[in-house]
Amino acid sequence: MNKLILNEGNILLNAASEGKYEAIERAGRLLADNGYVDPDYIEGMRKREIEVTTYIGNGIAIPHGTSEYVTHIKESGIVVLQYPEGVDFGEGNLAYILIGIAGKNDEHLEILSSIALVCQDENNVSELRHAVAKEEIISILTEGDHR
């Protein structure tokens, strides 16, 4: 994964538990604050969650905007928010890691597939949940089992 897309400025550690829509908005604001999206993209992220949950299992949610909001993406980027106590995504699903994605063209598909590979390993997810340094998050997501 491109280290320019994932850098320390894109990571929030140890966030206090909050509702899923607040967490999704926090991810969207981080994408906007770092120049990846217009603030209007956040509404697309909310709409996506209403349509279908972005919780993918294993303690991971990947909030992103609906397709009609791609015009609000300036450049591809991802943000990672760590919630050690979890965010309730309904039906007993707690997300400890939210990975907000804005993908220009089809770049996000590559980002999604590499994240999905790393996050299907429960050990990686546990390490992400308990990481105390942003460098650890980057290392786990960019290198996975190859560390």
N, C-alpha and C. Protein backbone atom coordinates (compact mmCIF):
# COMPACT_ATOMS: atom_id res chain seq x y z
N MET A 1 0.84 -1.19 0.00
CA MET A 1 0.00 0.00 0.00
C MET A 1 0.88 1.24 0.00
N ASN A 2 0.43 2.22 -0.71
CA ASN A 2 1.16 3.48 -0.83
C ASN A 2 1.23 4.20 0.51
N LYS A 3 2.45 4.48 0.97
CA LYS A 3 2.61 5.15 2.26
C LYS A 3 2.11 6.60 2.21
N LEU A 4 2.02 7.18 1.01
CA LEU A 4 1.47 8.53 0.92
C LEU A 4 -0.02 8.53 1.21
N ILE A 5 -0.69 7.45 0.85
CA ILE A 5 -2.13 7.33 1.11
C ILE A 5 -2.36 7.10 2.59
N LEU A 6 -1.49 6.35 3.24
CA LEU A 6 -1.61 6.10 4.68
C LEU A 6 -0.38 6.65 5.38
N ASN A 7 -0.58 7.70 6.16
CA ASN A 7 0.54 8.27 6.90
C ASN A 7 0.07 8.61 8.31
N GLU A 8 1.00 9.02 9.17
CA GLU A 8 0.67 9.24 10.58
C GLU A 8 -0.41 10.29 10.78
N GLY A 9 -0.48 11.28 9.89
CA GLY A 9 -1.51 12.31 9.99
C GLY A 9 -2.91 11.78 9.72
N ASN A 10 -2.99 10.56 9.19
CA ASN A 10 -4.26 9.95 8.84
C ASN A 10 -4.74 8.95 9.90
N ILE A 11 -4.07 8.91 11.03
CA ILE A 11 -4.38 7.92 12.05
C ILE A 11 -4.78 8.60 13.35
N LEU A 12 -5.87 8.11 13.93
CA LEU A 12 -6.32 8.58 15.24
C LEU A 12 -6.31 7.39 16.18
N LEU A 13 -5.49 7.47 17.21
CA LEU A 13 -5.39 6.39 18.19
C LEU A 13 -6.27 6.66 19.40
N ASN A 14 -6.74 5.57 20.00
CA ASN A 14 -7.36 5.62 21.32
C ASN A 14 -8.57 6.55 21.39
N ALA A 15 -9.42 6.51 20.38
CA ALA A 15 -10.63 7.34 20.40
C ALA A 15 -11.63 6.77 21.40
N ALA A 16 -12.34 7.66 22.07
CA ALA A 16 -13.38 7.22 23.01
C ALA A 16 -14.56 6.68 22.21
N SER A 17 -15.16 5.62 22.73
CA SER A 17 -16.31 5.01 22.07
C SER A 17 -17.41 6.04 21.83
N GLU A 18 -18.07 5.94 20.68
CA GLU A 18 -19.17 6.84 20.34
C GLU A 18 -20.10 6.09 19.40
N GLY A 19 -21.20 6.71 19.03
CA GLY A 19 -22.14 6.07 18.12
C GLY A 19 -21.53 5.87 16.74
N LYS A 20 -22.08 4.93 15.97
CA LYS A 20 -21.48 4.63 14.66
C LYS A 20 -21.52 5.82 13.72
N TYR A 21 -22.59 6.61 13.74
CA TYR A 21 -22.64 7.75 12.82
C TYR A 21 -21.67 8.84 13.24
N GLU A 22 -21.48 9.01 14.56
CA GLU A 22 -20.47 9.97 15.03
C GLU A 22 -19.07 9.51 14.62
N ALA A 23 -18.82 8.21 14.73
CA ALA A 23 -17.52 7.66 14.35
C ALA A 23 -17.29 7.81 12.84
N ILE A 24 -18.33 7.55 12.06
CA ILE A 24 -18.22 7.69 10.60
C ILE A 24 -17.96 9.15 10.24
N GLU A 25 -18.66 10.07 10.91
CA GLU A 25 -18.43 11.50 10.67
C GLU A 25 -17.01 11.90 11.06
N ARG A 26 -16.51 11.33 12.16
CA ARG A 26 -15.13 11.63 12.58
C ARG A 26 -14.15 11.17 11.50
N ALA A 27 -14.38 9.99 10.94
CA ALA A 27 -13.52 9.49 9.85
C ALA A 27 -13.62 10.41 8.64
N GLY A 28 -14.83 10.83 8.31
CA GLY A 28 -15.03 11.73 7.17
C GLY A 28 -14.36 13.08 7.37
N ARG A 29 -14.45 13.60 8.60
CA ARG A 29 -13.79 14.89 8.88
C ARG A 29 -12.28 14.76 8.75
N LEU A 30 -11.72 13.63 9.18
CA LEU A 30 -10.28 13.43 9.05
C LEU A 30 -9.89 13.37 7.57
N LEU A 31 -10.70 12.68 6.75
CA LEU A 31 -10.44 12.66 5.30
C LEU A 31 -10.50 14.08 4.73
N ALA A 32 -11.49 14.86 5.17
CA ALA A 32 -11.64 16.23 4.66
C ALA A 32 -10.51 17.13 5.16
N ASP A 33 -10.20 17.03 6.46
CA ASP A 33 -9.14 17.87 7.05
C ASP A 33 -7.79 17.62 6.38
N ASN A 34 -7.59 16.39 5.90
CA ASN A 34 -6.31 16.05 5.28
C ASN A 34 -6.32 16.23 3.76
N GLY A 35 -7.41 16.83 3.25
CA GLY A 35 -7.43 17.22 1.84
C GLY A 35 -7.83 16.15 0.85
N TYR A 36 -8.34 15.02 1.31
CA TYR A 36 -8.73 13.95 0.37
C TYR A 36 -10.12 14.17 -0.21
N VAL A 37 -11.01 14.80 0.58
CA VAL A 37 -12.40 14.96 0.14
C VAL A 37 -12.91 16.34 0.52
N ASP A 38 -13.99 16.75 -0.16
CA ASP A 38 -14.77 17.91 0.28
C ASP A 38 -15.61 17.45 1.47
N PRO A 39 -15.94 18.36 2.38
CA PRO A 39 -16.79 17.97 3.52
C PRO A 39 -18.12 17.32 3.12
N ASP A 40 -18.62 17.62 1.91
CA ASP A 40 -19.87 17.01 1.46
C ASP A 40 -19.78 15.48 1.35
N TYR A 41 -18.58 14.95 1.20
CA TYR A 41 -18.38 13.50 1.10
C TYR A 41 -18.88 12.79 2.36
N ILE A 42 -18.84 13.47 3.50
CA ILE A 42 -19.26 12.87 4.77
C ILE A 42 -20.73 12.45 4.69
N GLU A 43 -21.54 13.25 4.02
CA GLU A 43 -22.96 12.88 3.85
C GLU A 43 -23.07 11.58 3.06
N GLY A 44 -22.23 11.40 2.06
CA GLY A 44 -22.21 10.14 1.30
C GLY A 44 -21.82 8.96 2.16
N MET A 45 -20.93 9.19 3.13
CA MET A 45 -20.53 8.12 4.05
C MET A 45 -21.71 7.74 4.95
N ARG A 46 -22.45 8.74 5.41
CA ARG A 46 -23.64 8.46 6.23
C ARG A 46 -24.67 7.67 5.42
N LYS A 47 -24.89 8.10 4.17
CA LYS A 47 -25.88 7.43 3.32
C LYS A 47 -25.48 5.98 3.06
N ARG A 48 -24.20 5.74 2.84
CA ARG A 48 -23.72 4.37 2.61
C ARG A 48 -24.07 3.49 3.82
N GLU A 49 -23.85 4.00 5.01
CA GLU A 49 -24.13 3.22 6.22
C GLU A 49 -25.63 2.94 6.36
N ILE A 50 -26.47 3.89 5.95
CA ILE A 50 -27.92 3.70 6.01
C ILE A 50 -28.33 2.59 5.03
N GLU A 51 -27.72 2.60 3.84
CA GLU A 51 -28.06 1.61 2.80
C GLU A 51 -27.61 0.21 3.20
N VAL A 52 -26.37 0.10 3.61
CA VAL A 52 -25.81 -1.20 3.98
C VAL A 52 -24.65 -0.95 4.94
N THR A 53 -24.57 -1.77 5.99
CA THR A 53 -23.52 -1.54 6.97
C THR A 53 -22.15 -1.67 6.35
N THR A 54 -21.23 -0.86 6.84
CA THR A 54 -19.84 -0.94 6.37
C THR A 54 -19.01 -1.80 7.33
N TYR A 55 -19.68 -2.41 8.30
CA TYR A 55 -18.99 -3.36 9.19
C TYR A 55 -18.69 -4.61 8.38
N ILE A 56 -17.42 -5.02 8.33
CA ILE A 56 -17.06 -6.16 7.47
C ILE A 56 -16.72 -7.41 8.28
N GLY A 57 -16.82 -7.31 9.62
CA GLY A 57 -16.49 -8.46 10.45
C GLY A 57 -15.13 -8.31 11.10
N ASN A 58 -14.85 -9.19 12.05
CA ASN A 58 -13.53 -9.21 12.70
C ASN A 58 -13.18 -7.89 13.40
N GLY A 59 -14.19 -7.12 13.81
CA GLY A 59 -13.90 -5.88 14.51
C GLY A 59 -13.51 -4.70 13.63
N ILE A 60 -13.82 -4.81 12.33
CA ILE A 60 -13.40 -3.79 11.36
C ILE A 60 -14.62 -3.22 10.63
N ALA A 61 -14.64 -1.90 10.49
CA ALA A 61 -15.63 -1.25 9.61
C ALA A 61 -14.87 -0.38 8.63
N ILE A 62 -15.39 -0.30 7.41
CA ILE A 62 -14.72 0.47 6.35
C ILE A 62 -15.72 1.47 5.77
N PRO A 63 -15.98 2.56 6.52
CA PRO A 63 -16.92 3.55 5.99
C PRO A 63 -16.37 4.26 4.76
N HIS A 64 -17.25 4.46 3.78
CA HIS A 64 -16.90 5.16 2.55
C HIS A 64 -18.18 5.70 1.94
N GLY A 65 -18.05 6.60 1.01
CA GLY A 65 -19.21 7.26 0.42
C GLY A 65 -19.89 6.43 -0.64
N THR A 66 -21.16 6.77 -0.90
CA THR A 66 -21.88 6.14 -2.00
C THR A 66 -21.32 6.67 -3.32
N SER A 67 -21.63 5.96 -4.40
CA SER A 67 -21.02 6.28 -5.70
C SER A 67 -21.34 7.69 -6.17
N GLU A 68 -22.52 8.22 -5.83
CA GLU A 68 -22.84 9.57 -6.32
C GLU A 68 -22.00 10.65 -5.64
N TYR A 69 -21.26 10.28 -4.61
CA TYR A 69 -20.43 11.26 -3.91
C TYR A 69 -18.96 11.23 -4.34
N VAL A 70 -18.63 10.42 -5.35
CA VAL A 70 -17.24 10.36 -5.80
C VAL A 70 -16.74 11.70 -6.34
N THR A 71 -17.66 12.54 -6.79
CA THR A 71 -17.24 13.85 -7.30
C THR A 71 -16.66 14.73 -6.18
N HIS A 72 -16.90 14.35 -4.93
CA HIS A 72 -16.38 15.11 -3.80
C HIS A 72 -15.00 14.61 -3.33
N ILE A 73 -14.47 13.60 -4.04
CA ILE A 73 -13.14 13.09 -3.71
C ILE A 73 -12.10 13.87 -4.50
N LYS A 74 -11.14 14.46 -3.78
CA LYS A 74 -10.06 15.22 -4.43
C LYS A 74 -8.92 14.29 -4.82
N GLU A 75 -8.56 13.38 -3.92
CA GLU A 75 -7.53 12.37 -4.20
C GLU A 75 -7.74 11.19 -3.28
N SER A 76 -7.21 10.03 -3.68
CA SER A 76 -7.39 8.83 -2.88
C SER A 76 -6.68 8.95 -1.54
N GLY A 77 -7.35 8.46 -0.52
CA GLY A 77 -6.75 8.47 0.80
C GLY A 77 -7.50 7.56 1.75
N ILE A 78 -6.83 7.15 2.81
CA ILE A 78 -7.50 6.40 3.85
C ILE A 78 -7.12 6.97 5.20
N VAL A 79 -8.05 6.84 6.13
CA VAL A 79 -7.79 7.22 7.51
C VAL A 79 -8.11 6.02 8.39
N VAL A 80 -7.41 5.92 9.51
CA VAL A 80 -7.62 4.80 10.42
C VAL A 80 -7.93 5.37 11.80
N LEU A 81 -9.06 4.94 12.35
CA LEU A 81 -9.46 5.37 13.69
C LEU A 81 -9.53 4.14 14.58
N GLN A 82 -8.81 4.20 15.67
CA GLN A 82 -8.75 3.09 16.61
C GLN A 82 -9.67 3.39 17.80
N TYR A 83 -10.59 2.47 18.04
CA TYR A 83 -11.53 2.56 19.16
C TYR A 83 -11.31 1.33 20.05
N PRO A 84 -10.44 1.42 21.06
CA PRO A 84 -10.15 0.24 21.90
C PRO A 84 -11.39 -0.36 22.56
N GLU A 85 -12.39 0.46 22.88
CA GLU A 85 -13.61 -0.06 23.50
C GLU A 85 -14.67 -0.42 22.46
N GLY A 86 -14.42 -0.09 21.21
CA GLY A 86 -15.33 -0.46 20.14
C GLY A 86 -16.43 0.56 19.88
N VAL A 87 -16.99 0.47 18.68
CA VAL A 87 -18.14 1.25 18.26
C VAL A 87 -19.21 0.24 17.85
N ASP A 88 -20.41 0.40 18.38
CA ASP A 88 -21.50 -0.54 18.11
C ASP A 88 -22.08 -0.29 16.72
N PHE A 89 -21.91 -1.26 15.84
CA PHE A 89 -22.47 -1.18 14.49
C PHE A 89 -23.77 -1.97 14.37
N GLY A 90 -24.36 -2.32 15.51
CA GLY A 90 -25.63 -3.03 15.51
C GLY A 90 -25.45 -4.53 15.43
N GLU A 91 -26.47 -5.25 15.84
CA GLU A 91 -26.49 -6.72 15.80
C GLU A 91 -25.30 -7.33 16.51
N GLY A 92 -24.85 -6.68 17.59
CA GLY A 92 -23.74 -7.22 18.36
C GLY A 92 -22.38 -7.04 17.72
N ASN A 93 -22.30 -6.27 16.65
CA ASN A 93 -21.03 -6.05 15.94
C ASN A 93 -20.32 -4.84 16.50
N LEU A 94 -19.15 -5.06 17.09
CA LEU A 94 -18.33 -3.97 17.60
C LEU A 94 -17.14 -3.79 16.67
N ALA A 95 -16.95 -2.55 16.20
CA ALA A 95 -15.79 -2.23 15.36
C ALA A 95 -14.76 -1.54 16.24
N TYR A 96 -13.57 -2.10 16.28
CA TYR A 96 -12.46 -1.51 17.04
C TYR A 96 -11.60 -0.64 16.15
N ILE A 97 -11.67 -0.92 14.85
CA ILE A 97 -10.90 -0.17 13.86
C ILE A 97 -11.86 0.29 12.76
N LEU A 98 -11.89 1.60 12.51
CA LEU A 98 -12.63 2.14 11.38
C LEU A 98 -11.60 2.62 10.37
N ILE A 99 -11.78 2.18 9.14
CA ILE A 99 -10.88 2.59 8.07
C ILE A 99 -11.70 3.36 7.06
N GLY A 100 -11.61 4.69 7.11
CA GLY A 100 -12.35 5.53 6.19
C GLY A 100 -11.61 5.60 4.86
N ILE A 101 -12.36 5.42 3.79
CA ILE A 101 -11.73 5.36 2.46
C ILE A 101 -12.36 6.35 1.50
N ALA A 102 -11.52 7.03 0.76
CA ALA A 102 -11.93 7.83 -0.39
C ALA A 102 -11.07 7.36 -1.55
N GLY A 103 -11.70 6.80 -2.56
CA GLY A 103 -10.93 6.28 -3.69
C GLY A 103 -11.29 6.96 -4.98
N LYS A 104 -10.29 7.53 -5.63
CA LYS A 104 -10.47 8.17 -6.93
C LYS A 104 -10.34 7.09 -8.01
N ASN A 105 -11.15 7.18 -9.04
CA ASN A 105 -11.19 6.15 -10.09
C ASN A 105 -11.44 4.81 -9.41
N ASP A 106 -10.62 3.81 -9.67
CA ASP A 106 -10.80 2.52 -8.99
C ASP A 106 -9.69 2.23 -7.99
N GLU A 107 -8.94 3.28 -7.64
CA GLU A 107 -7.81 3.07 -6.72
C GLU A 107 -8.25 2.48 -5.39
N HIS A 108 -9.46 2.81 -4.95
CA HIS A 108 -9.90 2.32 -3.65
C HIS A 108 -10.08 0.81 -3.63
N LEU A 109 -10.32 0.19 -4.79
CA LEU A 109 -10.49 -1.26 -4.83
C LEU A 109 -9.22 -1.98 -4.42
N GLU A 110 -8.10 -1.46 -4.89
CA GLU A 110 -6.80 -2.02 -4.51
C GLU A 110 -6.56 -1.81 -3.01
N ILE A 111 -6.90 -0.61 -2.52
CA ILE A 111 -6.74 -0.31 -1.10
C ILE A 111 -7.60 -1.26 -0.28
N LEU A 112 -8.86 -1.42 -0.70
CA LEU A 112 -9.79 -2.29 0.03
C LEU A 112 -9.31 -3.73 0.07
N SER A 113 -8.81 -4.23 -1.04
CA SER A 113 -8.41 -5.63 -1.07
C SER A 113 -7.20 -5.87 -0.18
N SER A 114 -6.24 -4.94 -0.14
CA SER A 114 -5.07 -5.16 0.72
C SER A 114 -5.46 -5.07 2.19
N ILE A 115 -6.39 -4.15 2.52
CA ILE A 115 -6.87 -4.05 3.90
C ILE A 115 -7.63 -5.31 4.30
N ALA A 116 -8.49 -5.79 3.41
CA ALA A 116 -9.28 -6.98 3.71
C ALA A 116 -8.38 -8.18 3.98
N LEU A 117 -7.30 -8.32 3.21
CA LEU A 117 -6.37 -9.42 3.44
C LEU A 117 -5.74 -9.35 4.83
N VAL A 118 -5.29 -8.17 5.20
CA VAL A 118 -4.66 -7.99 6.52
C VAL A 118 -5.68 -8.24 7.63
N CYS A 119 -6.90 -7.74 7.44
CA CYS A 119 -7.89 -7.75 8.51
C CYS A 119 -8.64 -9.06 8.65
N GLN A 120 -8.42 -10.00 7.73
CA GLN A 120 -9.06 -11.30 7.93
C GLN A 120 -8.29 -12.12 8.96
N ASP A 121 -7.09 -11.68 9.31
CA ASP A 121 -6.29 -12.34 10.35
C ASP A 121 -6.60 -11.69 11.70
N GLU A 122 -7.19 -12.45 12.61
CA GLU A 122 -7.59 -11.91 13.90
C GLU A 122 -6.41 -11.37 14.70
N ASN A 123 -5.24 -11.95 14.52
CA ASN A 123 -4.04 -11.44 15.21
C ASN A 123 -3.71 -10.03 14.76
N ASN A 124 -3.81 -9.79 13.45
CA ASN A 124 -3.56 -8.44 12.93
C ASN A 124 -4.57 -7.45 13.51
N VAL A 125 -5.84 -7.85 13.57
CA VAL A 125 -6.88 -6.97 14.10
C VAL A 125 -6.63 -6.66 15.57
N SER A 126 -6.24 -7.69 16.32
CA SER A 126 -5.93 -7.49 17.74
C SER A 126 -4.75 -6.52 17.89
N GLU A 127 -3.74 -6.68 17.05
CA GLU A 127 -2.59 -5.77 17.09
C GLU A 127 -3.00 -4.34 16.73
N LEU A 128 -3.90 -4.19 15.75
CA LEU A 128 -4.39 -2.86 15.39
C LEU A 128 -5.15 -2.24 16.55
N ARG A 129 -5.97 -3.06 17.19
CA ARG A 129 -6.81 -2.57 18.30
C ARG A 129 -5.96 -2.09 19.47
N HIS A 130 -4.84 -2.78 19.72
CA HIS A 130 -4.02 -2.49 20.89
C HIS A 130 -2.75 -1.70 20.59
N ALA A 131 -2.58 -1.29 19.33
CA ALA A 131 -1.38 -0.53 18.96
C ALA A 131 -1.34 0.78 19.75
N VAL A 132 -0.13 1.15 20.18
CA VAL A 132 0.02 2.39 20.93
C VAL A 132 0.75 3.46 20.12
N ALA A 133 1.22 3.09 18.93
CA ALA A 133 1.95 4.05 18.09
C ALA A 133 1.39 4.00 16.67
N LYS A 134 1.34 5.15 16.04
CA LYS A 134 0.83 5.23 14.67
C LYS A 134 1.68 4.40 13.71
N GLU A 135 2.99 4.32 14.00
CA GLU A 135 3.88 3.52 13.14
C GLU A 135 3.45 2.06 13.14
N GLU A 136 2.96 1.56 14.28
CA GLU A 136 2.49 0.16 14.35
C GLU A 136 1.32 -0.05 13.41
N ILE A 137 0.37 0.88 13.41
CA ILE A 137 -0.81 0.78 12.54
C ILE A 137 -0.36 0.73 11.08
N ILE A 138 0.54 1.64 10.71
CA ILE A 138 1.03 1.67 9.32
C ILE A 138 1.73 0.36 8.97
N SER A 139 2.57 -0.13 9.87
CA SER A 139 3.30 -1.36 9.63
C SER A 139 2.35 -2.54 9.43
N ILE A 140 1.36 -2.65 10.29
CA ILE A 140 0.42 -3.78 10.20
C ILE A 140 -0.36 -3.71 8.88
N LEU A 141 -0.88 -2.53 8.55
CA LEU A 141 -1.70 -2.41 7.34
C LEU A 141 -0.90 -2.47 6.06
N THR A 142 0.36 -2.05 6.09
CA THR A 142 1.13 -2.09 4.84
C THR A 142 1.88 -3.40 4.65
N GLU A 143 2.20 -4.06 5.76
CA GLU A 143 3.01 -5.27 5.65
C GLU A 143 2.29 -6.53 6.07
N GLY A 144 1.23 -6.41 6.89
CA GLY A 144 0.47 -7.58 7.30
C GLY A 144 1.34 -8.64 7.91
N ASP A 145 1.25 -9.84 7.39
CA ASP A 145 2.00 -10.96 7.94
C ASP A 145 3.48 -10.92 7.59
N HIS A 146 3.89 -9.97 6.79
CA HIS A 146 5.27 -9.94 6.33
C HIS A 146 6.18 -9.13 7.25
N ARG A 147 5.67 -8.78 8.43
CA ARG A 147 6.49 -7.99 9.37
C ARG A 147 7.49 -8.88 10.05
